[in-house]
N, C-alpha and C. Protein backbone atom coordinates (compact mmCIF):
# COMPACT_ATOMS: atom_id res chain seq x y z
N UNK A 1 0.92 -1.08 -0.26
CA UNK A 1 -0.08 0.12 -0.15
C UNK A 1 0.66 1.08 0.01
N UNK A 2 0.55 2.20 -0.79
CA UNK A 2 1.45 3.58 -1.05
C UNK A 2 1.11 4.31 0.45
N UNK A 3 1.92 5.05 0.70
CA UNK A 3 1.54 5.62 1.78
C UNK A 3 0.70 6.62 1.60
N UNK A 4 0.28 7.37 0.69
CA UNK A 4 -0.63 8.48 0.44
C UNK A 4 -1.85 7.35 0.77
N UNK A 5 -1.95 6.31 0.21
CA UNK A 5 -3.02 5.51 0.71
C UNK A 5 -3.76 5.19 2.09
N UNK A 6 -2.62 4.96 2.47
CA UNK A 6 -2.35 4.55 3.86
C UNK A 6 -3.01 6.07 5.17
N UNK A 7 -2.39 7.04 4.39
CA UNK A 7 -3.02 8.33 5.17
C UNK A 7 -4.20 8.34 4.71
N UNK A 8 -4.91 8.30 3.43
CA UNK A 8 -6.26 8.26 3.52
C UNK A 8 -6.98 7.14 4.23
N UNK A 9 -6.64 6.08 4.40
CA UNK A 9 -7.29 5.08 4.94
C UNK A 9 -7.49 5.52 6.70
N UNK A 10 -6.28 5.99 7.17
CA UNK A 10 -5.87 6.65 8.54
C UNK A 10 -6.96 7.55 8.58
N UNK A 11 -7.14 8.72 7.70
CA UNK A 11 -8.12 9.95 7.92
C UNK A 11 -9.47 8.99 7.93
N UNK A 12 -9.90 8.40 7.04
CA UNK A 12 -11.23 7.60 7.18
C UNK A 12 -11.66 7.02 8.72
N UNK A 13 -10.55 6.43 8.84
CA UNK A 13 -10.68 5.50 10.04
C UNK A 13 -10.92 6.27 11.40
N UNK A 14 -10.07 7.60 11.61
CA UNK A 14 -10.83 8.55 12.44
C UNK A 14 -12.02 9.12 12.18
N UNK A 15 -12.51 9.34 11.21
CA UNK A 15 -13.73 10.00 10.87
C UNK A 15 -14.71 8.80 11.47
N UNK A 16 -14.68 7.23 11.28
CA UNK A 16 -15.44 6.28 11.61
C UNK A 16 -15.51 6.69 13.00
N UNK A 17 -14.20 6.59 13.92
CA UNK A 17 -13.94 6.53 15.06
C UNK A 17 -15.10 7.74 16.08
N UNK A 18 -15.08 8.90 15.15
CA UNK A 18 -15.61 9.93 15.59
C UNK A 18 -17.08 9.59 15.35
N UNK A 19 -17.61 9.09 14.33
CA UNK A 19 -19.04 8.87 14.17
C UNK A 19 -19.56 7.59 15.08
N UNK A 20 -18.61 6.94 15.11
CA UNK A 20 -19.79 5.49 15.72
C UNK A 20 -18.74 5.46 17.37
N UNK A 21 -17.83 6.27 18.13
CA UNK A 21 -17.67 6.17 19.32
C UNK A 21 -17.65 7.42 19.88
N UNK A 22 -17.31 8.51 19.53
CA UNK A 22 -17.66 9.89 20.10
C UNK A 22 -18.83 10.46 19.86
N UNK A 23 -19.50 10.48 18.76
CA UNK A 23 -20.47 11.29 18.63
C UNK A 23 -21.85 10.48 19.31
N UNK A 24 -22.00 9.64 18.66
CA UNK A 24 -23.50 8.84 19.48
C UNK A 24 -23.83 8.83 20.90
N UNK A 25 -24.94 8.82 21.08
CA UNK A 25 -25.32 9.14 22.90
C UNK A 25 -24.79 8.06 23.46
N UNK A 26 -23.80 8.23 24.47
CA UNK A 26 -22.97 7.16 25.15
C UNK A 26 -23.97 6.51 26.04
N UNK A 27 -24.28 5.32 26.23
CA UNK A 27 -24.93 4.19 26.96
C UNK A 27 -24.61 4.54 28.46
N UNK A 28 -23.24 4.60 29.07
CA UNK A 28 -22.79 4.89 30.23
C UNK A 28 -22.64 6.10 30.59
N UNK A 29 -23.02 7.68 29.49
CA UNK A 29 -22.70 8.65 30.38
C UNK A 29 -23.89 9.25 30.14
N UNK A 30 -24.68 9.10 29.32
CA UNK A 30 -26.02 9.79 29.09
C UNK A 30 -25.74 11.10 28.46
N UNK A 31 -24.65 11.32 27.46
CA UNK A 31 -24.24 11.78 26.75
C UNK A 31 -23.12 11.64 25.69
N UNK A 32 -23.12 12.08 24.64
CA UNK A 32 -22.04 11.98 23.85
C UNK A 32 -20.58 11.49 24.52
N UNK A 33 -19.48 10.87 23.95
CA UNK A 33 -18.40 10.40 24.37
C UNK A 33 -17.69 12.03 24.44
N UNK A 34 -17.84 12.67 23.25
CA UNK A 34 -17.33 13.75 22.84
C UNK A 34 -18.25 14.47 22.06
N UNK A 35 -18.98 15.55 23.23
CA UNK A 35 -20.31 16.15 22.90
C UNK A 35 -20.09 17.56 21.59
N UNK A 36 -18.82 17.47 21.63
CA UNK A 36 -18.38 18.51 20.36
C UNK A 36 -17.65 17.62 19.03
N UNK A 37 -17.54 16.35 19.13
CA UNK A 37 -17.11 16.02 18.05
C UNK A 37 -18.10 16.10 16.87
N UNK A 38 -19.40 15.82 16.96
CA UNK A 38 -20.45 16.07 15.68
C UNK A 38 -19.97 17.27 14.97
N UNK A 39 -19.81 18.30 15.71
CA UNK A 39 -20.19 20.03 15.37
C UNK A 39 -18.85 20.05 14.49
N UNK A 40 -17.57 19.33 15.12
CA UNK A 40 -16.41 19.91 14.47
C UNK A 40 -16.30 19.30 13.38
N UNK A 41 -16.87 18.02 13.33
CA UNK A 41 -16.85 17.45 12.02
C UNK A 41 -17.70 17.65 10.99
N UNK A 42 -18.90 18.20 11.20
CA UNK A 42 -19.84 18.57 10.24
C UNK A 42 -19.78 19.97 9.70
N UNK A 43 -18.95 20.96 10.73
CA UNK A 43 -18.59 22.15 10.30
C UNK A 43 -17.32 22.50 9.74
N UNK A 44 -16.93 21.46 9.69
CA UNK A 44 -15.18 21.16 8.84
C UNK A 44 -14.03 22.23 9.87
N UNK A 45 -14.44 22.03 10.91
CA UNK A 45 -13.28 22.46 12.12
C UNK A 45 -12.54 21.43 12.56
N UNK A 46 -12.35 20.53 12.21
CA UNK A 46 -11.46 19.41 12.36
C UNK A 46 -10.55 19.15 11.54
N UNK A 47 -9.42 18.66 11.65
CA UNK A 47 -8.14 18.65 10.94
C UNK A 47 -7.41 17.28 11.15
N UNK A 48 -7.14 16.47 10.04
CA UNK A 48 -6.38 15.80 10.45
C UNK A 48 -5.75 15.49 9.51
N UNK A 49 -4.50 15.27 9.97
CA UNK A 49 -3.00 14.88 9.82
C UNK A 49 -2.34 13.85 9.64
N UNK A 50 -1.16 12.93 8.64
CA UNK A 50 -1.06 12.06 9.10
C UNK A 50 0.67 12.05 8.55
N UNK A 51 1.32 11.50 9.62
CA UNK A 51 3.11 11.83 8.93
C UNK A 51 3.35 10.56 8.38
N UNK A 52 3.95 11.23 7.06
CA UNK A 52 4.00 10.64 5.64
C UNK A 52 5.47 9.73 5.75
N UNK A 53 6.22 9.81 6.60
CA UNK A 53 7.34 9.38 6.32
C UNK A 53 8.13 9.06 8.03
N UNK A 54 9.39 8.16 7.94
CA UNK A 54 9.77 7.85 9.06
C UNK A 54 11.12 9.31 9.86
N UNK A 55 10.69 10.27 8.92
CA UNK A 55 11.86 11.31 9.41
C UNK A 55 11.44 11.65 10.54
N UNK A 56 12.05 12.76 11.31
CA UNK A 56 12.04 12.83 12.62
C UNK A 56 10.05 13.37 13.08
N UNK A 57 9.75 13.14 13.87
CA UNK A 57 8.43 13.13 14.37
C UNK A 57 8.30 14.68 14.59
N UNK A 58 8.77 15.45 15.30
CA UNK A 58 8.74 16.72 15.63
C UNK A 58 8.80 17.61 14.51
N UNK A 59 9.48 17.20 13.35
CA UNK A 59 9.68 18.11 12.41
C UNK A 59 8.09 17.97 11.46
N UNK A 60 7.61 17.02 11.46
CA UNK A 60 6.24 16.47 11.11
C UNK A 60 5.32 17.69 11.57
N UNK A 61 5.16 17.08 13.24
CA UNK A 61 4.42 17.93 13.90
C UNK A 61 4.61 19.45 14.22
N UNK A 62 5.76 20.20 13.88
CA UNK A 62 5.91 21.30 13.86
C UNK A 62 5.54 21.87 12.48
N UNK A 63 5.38 21.16 11.48
CA UNK A 63 5.23 21.96 10.38
C UNK A 63 3.64 21.64 10.32
N UNK A 64 2.95 21.17 10.91
CA UNK A 64 1.61 20.97 11.11
C UNK A 64 1.39 22.32 11.81
N UNK A 65 1.57 22.28 13.08
CA UNK A 65 1.53 23.65 13.91
C UNK A 65 1.51 24.93 13.18
N UNK A 66 2.76 25.12 12.38
CA UNK A 66 3.16 26.34 11.78
C UNK A 66 2.22 26.51 10.73
N UNK A 67 1.27 25.37 10.36
CA UNK A 67 0.36 26.07 8.99
C UNK A 67 -0.99 25.84 9.81
N UNK A 68 -1.36 25.86 11.20
CA UNK A 68 -2.38 25.63 11.64
C UNK A 68 -3.42 27.30 11.51
N UNK A 69 -4.49 27.40 10.85
CA UNK A 69 -5.39 28.45 10.88
C UNK A 69 -6.24 28.08 11.99
N UNK A 70 -6.13 28.67 13.15
CA UNK A 70 -7.10 28.79 14.50
C UNK A 70 -8.37 29.10 13.88
N UNK A 71 -8.69 30.15 13.15
CA UNK A 71 -10.14 30.25 12.98
C UNK A 71 -10.78 29.16 11.84
N UNK A 72 -9.81 28.55 11.36
CA UNK A 72 -10.65 27.81 10.60
C UNK A 72 -10.64 26.38 10.89
N UNK A 73 -9.83 26.10 12.20
CA UNK A 73 -9.95 24.24 12.65
C UNK A 73 -9.93 24.57 14.38
N UNK A 74 -10.77 24.14 14.87
CA UNK A 74 -10.62 24.08 16.19
C UNK A 74 -9.73 22.96 16.74
N UNK A 75 -9.60 21.97 16.11
CA UNK A 75 -8.99 20.89 16.17
C UNK A 75 -7.94 20.08 15.63
N UNK A 76 -6.94 19.95 16.01
CA UNK A 76 -5.92 19.06 14.68
C UNK A 76 -5.59 17.58 15.51
N UNK A 77 -5.82 16.65 14.55
CA UNK A 77 -5.44 15.13 15.06
C UNK A 77 -4.23 14.82 14.45
N UNK A 78 -3.07 14.72 14.85
CA UNK A 78 -2.02 14.37 14.32
C UNK A 78 -1.62 12.75 14.31
N UNK A 79 -1.52 12.06 13.23
CA UNK A 79 -1.51 10.38 13.39
C UNK A 79 -0.65 10.34 12.82
N UNK A 80 0.12 8.81 13.82
CA UNK A 80 1.69 8.54 13.10
C UNK A 80 1.17 6.84 12.79
N UNK A 81 1.40 6.50 11.91
CA UNK A 81 1.21 4.93 11.59
C UNK A 81 2.93 4.75 12.07
N UNK A 82 4.14 5.24 12.31
CA UNK A 82 5.38 5.09 12.42
C UNK A 82 5.42 4.83 13.96
N UNK A 83 4.38 4.59 15.08
CA UNK A 83 4.65 4.94 16.24
C UNK A 83 5.40 4.09 16.90
N UNK A 84 5.97 2.76 15.95
CA UNK A 84 6.89 1.72 16.34
C UNK A 84 8.26 2.46 16.82
N UNK A 85 8.28 3.85 16.48
CA UNK A 85 9.76 4.54 16.90
C UNK A 85 10.25 5.07 17.78
N UNK A 86 9.02 4.91 18.76
CA UNK A 86 9.00 5.18 20.58
C UNK A 86 7.96 4.39 21.06
N UNK A 87 8.56 4.06 22.13
CA UNK A 87 7.43 3.74 23.43
C UNK A 87 6.31 4.69 23.76
N UNK A 88 5.56 3.89 24.58
CA UNK A 88 4.43 4.71 25.55
C UNK A 88 4.90 5.65 26.35
N UNK A 89 5.96 5.34 26.81
CA UNK A 89 6.76 6.58 27.65
C UNK A 89 7.27 7.55 27.25
N UNK A 90 8.04 7.42 25.74
CA UNK A 90 8.65 8.32 25.03
C UNK A 90 7.45 9.14 24.42
N UNK A 91 6.42 8.76 24.03
CA UNK A 91 5.49 9.51 23.60
C UNK A 91 4.77 10.31 24.45
N UNK A 92 4.54 10.02 25.90
CA UNK A 92 4.14 10.90 26.67
C UNK A 92 5.25 12.05 27.04
N UNK A 93 6.46 11.77 26.94
CA UNK A 93 7.49 12.92 26.87
C UNK A 93 7.26 13.77 26.09
N UNK A 94 7.25 13.28 24.64
CA UNK A 94 6.63 14.09 23.65
C UNK A 94 5.50 15.09 23.91
N UNK A 95 4.44 14.69 24.29
CA UNK A 95 3.44 15.30 24.71
C UNK A 95 3.71 16.36 25.87
N UNK A 96 4.21 16.03 27.02
CA UNK A 96 4.67 16.73 28.08
C UNK A 96 5.46 17.72 27.70
N UNK A 97 6.52 17.60 26.63
CA UNK A 97 7.26 18.69 25.79
C UNK A 97 6.52 19.49 24.95
N UNK A 98 5.58 19.25 24.41
CA UNK A 98 4.70 19.86 23.93
C UNK A 98 3.80 21.38 24.55
N UNK A 99 3.24 20.36 25.52
CA UNK A 99 2.56 20.92 26.38
C UNK A 99 3.54 22.31 27.17
N UNK A 100 4.44 21.71 27.52
CA UNK A 100 5.15 22.73 28.41
C UNK A 100 5.61 24.06 27.37
N UNK A 101 5.85 23.74 25.87
CA UNK A 101 6.23 24.66 25.05
C UNK A 101 5.02 25.55 24.61
N UNK A 102 3.99 25.06 24.40
CA UNK A 102 2.83 25.49 23.87
C UNK A 102 1.79 26.00 24.75
N UNK A 103 1.52 25.43 25.85
CA UNK A 103 0.20 26.08 26.68
C UNK A 103 0.34 27.38 26.78
N UNK A 104 1.27 28.06 27.52
CA UNK A 104 1.11 29.93 27.58
C UNK A 104 0.48 30.35 25.76
N UNK A 105 0.75 29.38 25.06
CA UNK A 105 0.20 29.72 23.28
C UNK A 105 -1.30 29.71 23.45
N UNK A 106 -1.82 29.42 24.42
CA UNK A 106 -3.25 28.78 24.20
C UNK A 106 -3.56 27.52 23.09
N UNK A 107 -2.43 26.37 23.54
CA UNK A 107 -2.58 25.23 22.70
C UNK A 107 -2.29 24.11 23.80
N UNK A 108 -2.91 23.13 23.61
CA UNK A 108 -3.02 21.92 24.35
C UNK A 108 -2.61 20.76 23.96
N UNK A 109 -2.29 19.94 24.09
CA UNK A 109 -1.79 18.52 23.22
C UNK A 109 -2.31 17.24 24.57
N UNK A 110 -2.81 16.56 23.74
CA UNK A 110 -3.35 15.22 24.39
C UNK A 110 -2.92 13.89 23.59
N UNK A 111 -2.34 13.05 23.89
CA UNK A 111 -2.00 11.70 23.25
C UNK A 111 -2.43 10.59 23.51
N UNK A 112 -2.27 9.70 22.39
CA UNK A 112 -3.18 8.24 22.57
C UNK A 112 -2.11 7.37 22.00
N UNK A 113 -1.68 6.29 22.25
CA UNK A 113 -0.50 5.44 22.03
C UNK A 113 -1.13 4.12 22.04
N UNK A 114 -1.26 3.50 20.64
CA UNK A 114 -1.54 1.82 20.40
C UNK A 114 -1.24 0.97 21.48
N UNK A 115 0.10 0.90 21.90
CA UNK A 115 0.58 -0.08 23.23
C UNK A 115 -0.51 0.41 24.31
N UNK A 116 -1.04 1.32 24.38
CA UNK A 116 -1.77 1.47 25.45
C UNK A 116 -3.21 1.72 25.53
N UNK A 117 -3.82 0.77 24.81
CA UNK A 117 -5.46 1.43 24.59
C UNK A 117 -6.13 1.31 25.78
N UNK A 118 -7.51 2.02 25.62
CA UNK A 118 -8.56 1.98 26.30
C UNK A 118 -9.10 0.76 26.61
N UNK A 119 -9.45 0.74 28.18
CA UNK A 119 -9.56 -0.64 28.48
C UNK A 119 -10.94 -0.65 29.02
N UNK A 120 -11.73 -2.00 28.93
CA UNK A 120 -13.15 -1.86 29.34
C UNK A 120 -13.16 -1.44 30.94
N UNK A 121 -12.24 -2.09 31.65
CA UNK A 121 -12.01 -1.71 33.11
C UNK A 121 -11.74 -0.41 33.52
N UNK A 122 -10.89 0.50 32.73
CA UNK A 122 -10.71 2.13 32.93
C UNK A 122 -11.51 2.82 32.59
N UNK A 123 -11.89 2.52 30.86
CA UNK A 123 -12.70 3.44 30.01
C UNK A 123 -13.40 2.80 29.52
N UNK A 124 -14.35 2.49 29.84
CA UNK A 124 -15.48 1.03 29.46
C UNK A 124 -16.16 2.36 28.28
N UNK A 125 -16.78 3.56 28.70
CA UNK A 125 -17.09 4.37 27.82
C UNK A 125 -16.87 4.40 26.23
N UNK A 126 -15.65 4.27 26.32
CA UNK A 126 -14.90 4.40 25.21
C UNK A 126 -14.45 2.94 24.38
N UNK A 127 -14.62 1.80 24.97
CA UNK A 127 -14.53 0.61 24.56
C UNK A 127 -15.99 0.17 24.19
N UNK A 128 -17.11 0.46 24.64
CA UNK A 128 -18.21 -0.06 24.64
C UNK A 128 -19.24 0.91 24.61
N UNK A 129 -19.48 1.71 23.56
CA UNK A 129 -19.90 3.11 23.85
C UNK A 129 -21.57 3.02 23.83
N UNK A 130 -21.89 2.20 22.59
CA UNK A 130 -23.41 2.08 22.67
C UNK A 130 -23.62 0.50 22.10
N UNK A 131 -24.88 0.22 22.09
CA UNK A 131 -25.12 -0.99 21.99
C UNK A 131 -25.24 -1.78 20.10
N UNK A 132 -24.84 -1.01 19.72
CA UNK A 132 -24.61 -1.49 18.38
C UNK A 132 -23.71 -0.54 17.50
N UNK A 133 -22.30 -0.57 18.34
CA UNK A 133 -21.17 -0.03 17.96
C UNK A 133 -20.43 -1.03 17.33
N UNK A 134 -20.20 -1.11 15.81
CA UNK A 134 -19.48 -1.74 14.64
C UNK A 134 -17.97 -1.49 14.50
N UNK A 135 -17.49 -0.29 15.13
CA UNK A 135 -16.02 0.29 15.05
C UNK A 135 -15.09 -0.61 15.42
N UNK A 136 -14.23 -1.19 14.73
CA UNK A 136 -13.13 -2.08 15.45
C UNK A 136 -11.82 -1.60 15.39
N UNK A 137 -11.50 -0.26 14.80
CA UNK A 137 -10.31 0.06 14.48
C UNK A 137 -9.18 -0.99 14.23
N UNK A 138 -8.83 -1.27 13.14
CA UNK A 138 -8.06 -2.24 12.43
C UNK A 138 -6.84 -1.76 12.29
N UNK A 139 -6.60 -0.46 11.91
CA UNK A 139 -5.34 0.42 11.85
C UNK A 139 -5.04 0.77 13.14
N UNK A 140 -3.58 0.70 12.86
CA UNK A 140 -2.84 1.11 14.47
C UNK A 140 -2.23 2.47 14.23
N UNK A 141 -1.95 3.41 14.99
CA UNK A 141 -1.60 4.39 14.89
C UNK A 141 -1.50 5.37 15.79
N UNK A 142 -0.63 6.32 16.43
CA UNK A 142 -0.77 7.07 17.56
C UNK A 142 -1.40 8.43 16.89
N UNK A 143 -1.91 8.89 17.98
CA UNK A 143 -2.76 10.15 18.02
C UNK A 143 -2.28 11.19 19.09
N UNK A 144 -1.98 12.28 18.34
CA UNK A 144 -1.93 13.83 18.83
C UNK A 144 -3.03 14.31 18.76
N UNK A 145 -3.78 15.07 19.93
CA UNK A 145 -5.05 15.81 19.53
C UNK A 145 -4.32 17.44 20.10
N UNK A 146 -4.54 18.16 19.18
CA UNK A 146 -4.12 19.16 19.45
C UNK A 146 -5.43 20.20 19.46
N UNK A 147 -5.72 21.26 20.72
CA UNK A 147 -6.51 22.00 20.94
C UNK A 147 -6.40 23.37 21.32
N UNK A 148 -7.24 24.44 21.09
CA UNK A 148 -7.19 25.69 21.59
C UNK A 148 -7.34 25.33 23.12
N UNK A 149 -6.35 26.22 23.81
CA UNK A 149 -6.21 25.89 25.47
C UNK A 149 -7.74 26.16 26.07
N UNK A 150 -7.77 27.66 25.88
CA UNK A 150 -9.02 28.19 26.83
C UNK A 150 -10.37 27.33 26.05
N UNK A 151 -10.11 27.56 24.74
CA UNK A 151 -11.49 26.86 24.04
C UNK A 151 -11.92 25.44 24.76
N UNK A 152 -10.95 24.65 25.18
CA UNK A 152 -10.90 23.62 25.78
C UNK A 152 -11.52 23.64 27.26
N UNK A 153 -10.54 24.63 27.98
CA UNK A 153 -11.00 24.85 29.34
C UNK A 153 -11.98 25.26 29.41
N UNK A 154 -12.84 26.49 28.62
CA UNK A 154 -14.21 26.93 29.03
C UNK A 154 -15.28 25.61 28.76
N UNK A 155 -14.94 24.76 27.50
CA UNK A 155 -16.11 23.94 26.95
C UNK A 155 -16.08 22.91 28.27
N UNK A 156 -15.20 22.58 29.01
CA UNK A 156 -14.75 21.75 30.14
C UNK A 156 -15.90 22.14 31.31
N UNK A 157 -15.61 23.52 31.32
CA UNK A 157 -16.38 24.35 32.68
C UNK A 157 -17.81 24.06 32.24
N UNK A 158 -18.45 24.25 30.88
CA UNK A 158 -19.74 24.09 30.95
C UNK A 158 -20.32 22.85 31.12
N UNK A 159 -19.24 21.83 30.17
CA UNK A 159 -19.75 20.19 30.58
C UNK A 159 -19.65 20.28 32.26
N UNK A 160 -19.09 20.27 32.99
CA UNK A 160 -18.95 20.13 34.37
C UNK A 160 -20.30 20.54 34.80
N UNK A 161 -20.89 21.56 34.69
CA UNK A 161 -22.02 22.23 35.39
C UNK A 161 -23.32 21.46 34.71
N UNK A 162 -23.28 20.76 33.60
CA UNK A 162 -24.19 19.99 33.26
C UNK A 162 -24.41 18.32 33.92
N UNK A 163 -22.99 18.06 34.36
CA UNK A 163 -23.44 17.07 34.77
C UNK A 163 -22.76 16.08 33.79
N UNK A 164 -21.82 16.34 33.04
CA UNK A 164 -21.28 15.68 32.05
C UNK A 164 -20.51 14.46 32.35
N UNK A 165 -19.23 14.84 33.43
CA UNK A 165 -18.38 14.18 33.90
C UNK A 165 -18.87 13.29 35.24
N UNK A 166 -19.98 13.23 35.28
CA UNK A 166 -20.46 12.71 36.70
C UNK A 166 -20.19 11.07 36.56
N UNK A 167 -20.42 10.57 35.73
CA UNK A 167 -20.22 9.12 35.64
C UNK A 167 -18.75 8.77 34.76
N UNK A 168 -18.15 9.77 34.76
CA UNK A 168 -16.76 9.45 34.21
C UNK A 168 -15.82 8.63 35.09
N UNK A 169 -15.28 7.48 34.60
CA UNK A 169 -14.32 6.70 36.02
C UNK A 169 -13.13 7.91 36.60
N UNK A 170 -13.29 7.75 38.13
CA UNK A 170 -12.65 9.08 38.74
C UNK A 170 -11.30 9.14 38.28
N UNK A 171 -10.21 7.91 38.36
CA UNK A 171 -9.09 8.17 37.94
C UNK A 171 -8.66 8.69 36.65
N UNK A 172 -9.81 8.06 35.54
CA UNK A 172 -9.64 8.55 34.26
C UNK A 172 -9.76 10.39 34.35
N UNK A 173 -10.80 10.94 34.97
CA UNK A 173 -11.08 11.93 34.91
C UNK A 173 -9.95 12.81 35.52
N UNK A 174 -9.93 12.47 36.64
CA UNK A 174 -8.42 13.16 37.52
C UNK A 174 -7.31 13.20 36.44
N UNK A 175 -6.83 12.31 35.63
CA UNK A 175 -5.90 11.87 34.96
C UNK A 175 -5.89 12.97 33.42
N UNK A 176 -7.04 13.24 32.87
CA UNK A 176 -7.47 13.71 31.71
C UNK A 176 -7.92 15.34 32.04
N UNK A 177 -8.96 15.48 32.69
CA UNK A 177 -9.74 16.50 32.83
C UNK A 177 -9.28 17.39 34.12
N UNK A 178 -8.88 17.04 35.14
CA UNK A 178 -8.83 17.56 36.34
C UNK A 178 -7.45 18.15 36.40
N UNK A 179 -6.18 17.85 36.10
CA UNK A 179 -4.87 18.23 35.70
C UNK A 179 -4.82 19.21 34.85
N UNK A 180 -5.83 18.93 33.27
CA UNK A 180 -5.51 20.01 32.50
C UNK A 180 -6.15 21.36 33.01
N UNK A 181 -7.57 21.26 33.69
CA UNK A 181 -8.12 22.30 34.27
C UNK A 181 -7.25 23.12 35.00
N UNK A 182 -6.34 22.58 35.88
CA UNK A 182 -6.06 22.97 36.89
C UNK A 182 -4.78 23.72 36.34
N UNK A 183 -4.17 23.03 35.50
CA UNK A 183 -2.86 23.66 34.65
C UNK A 183 -3.23 25.13 33.93
N UNK A 184 -4.25 25.11 33.54
CA UNK A 184 -4.98 26.43 32.50
C UNK A 184 -5.09 27.28 33.73
N UNK A 185 -5.82 27.05 35.03
CA UNK A 185 -6.04 27.96 36.27
C UNK A 185 -4.99 28.34 37.08
N UNK A 186 -4.02 27.70 36.92
CA UNK A 186 -2.35 27.92 37.30
C UNK A 186 -1.85 28.83 36.04
N UNK A 187 -1.59 28.59 35.25
CA UNK A 187 -1.12 29.62 34.06
C UNK A 187 -1.67 30.72 34.08
N UNK A 188 -3.39 31.07 34.24
CA UNK A 188 -3.91 32.03 33.64
C UNK A 188 -4.57 32.63 34.97
N UNK A 189 -3.94 32.28 36.29
CA UNK A 189 -4.35 33.12 37.17
C UNK A 189 -6.05 32.96 37.23
N UNK A 190 -6.53 31.76 36.88
CA UNK A 190 -7.90 31.51 37.17
C UNK A 190 -8.47 31.14 38.45
N UNK A 191 -10.12 31.58 39.21
CA UNK A 191 -10.41 31.17 39.97
C UNK A 191 -10.48 29.33 39.96
N UNK A 192 -10.36 28.50 40.82
CA UNK A 192 -10.37 27.43 40.65
C UNK A 192 -11.73 26.88 40.59
N UNK A 193 -12.08 26.33 39.36
CA UNK A 193 -13.75 25.80 39.33
C UNK A 193 -14.21 24.35 39.56
N UNK A 194 -13.26 23.42 39.60
CA UNK A 194 -13.14 21.98 39.95
C UNK A 194 -13.11 21.55 41.19
N UNK A 195 -12.45 22.19 41.94
CA UNK A 195 -12.22 21.69 43.31
C UNK A 195 -13.43 21.08 44.38
N UNK A 196 -14.70 21.61 44.05
CA UNK A 196 -15.92 20.95 44.66
C UNK A 196 -15.91 19.44 44.04
N UNK A 197 -16.11 19.84 42.50
CA UNK A 197 -16.01 18.01 42.16
C UNK A 197 -15.13 17.36 42.02
N UNK A 198 -14.15 17.49 42.34
CA UNK A 198 -12.87 16.75 43.01
C UNK A 198 -13.22 15.97 44.23
N UNK A 199 -13.44 16.73 45.21
CA UNK A 199 -13.93 16.00 46.67
C UNK A 199 -15.23 15.14 46.14
N UNK A 200 -16.41 15.45 45.83
CA UNK A 200 -17.31 14.82 45.10
C UNK A 200 -16.87 13.22 44.57
N UNK A 201 -15.66 13.28 43.68
CA UNK A 201 -15.65 12.40 43.17
C UNK A 201 -14.97 11.66 44.06
N UNK A 202 -14.11 11.68 45.01
CA UNK A 202 -13.33 11.02 45.83
C UNK A 202 -14.28 10.68 46.94
N UNK A 203 -15.23 11.40 47.08
CA UNK A 203 -15.83 10.66 48.01
C UNK A 203 -17.01 9.57 47.75
N UNK A 204 -17.36 9.37 46.36
CA UNK A 204 -18.01 8.48 45.73
C UNK A 204 -17.42 7.35 45.27
N UNK A 205 -16.16 6.93 45.14
CA UNK A 205 -15.34 5.70 45.27
C UNK A 205 -15.92 4.34 45.88
């Protein structure tokens, strides 16, 4: 398979993941797994990029970041089929490096590595989202999700108010959401809005 064809298949796989896993009403949450995914896709606010060769990962990602038109796209998903070049731990180091470099520039990074997939024990709402989900995810690639930090922070605050996170696994919420929200509030000296929810989640264990 040519690399161009591979990239096309990966992009289509991401779209199907969004349509079948993120966008439908999630049977565990009572909300879509990502309440904004459908609008991003339908409004062409989602940009999907694929690493095309094995030259340095950072070189490809930096090129994507430099070409990001934030008025046009709210989120970039950077996919890498050559993820065997780095371990899960090394990938996390990349995520942390870019967050340190870009958080103050209103950009936030999250990463997913195929070596550590979502599990039914820890993230069942992502593994088994609906009664009739047919998404299998046969292609393997890492994903770097790149978003506007303030937009992500504000959206998370709104979702918190309507109870979206109430049924999230505690550890996953703390790892993904609470640390991100706290980081934004620390950087931009915002009043903490998630402290009460953190206490409630701890009591519900």
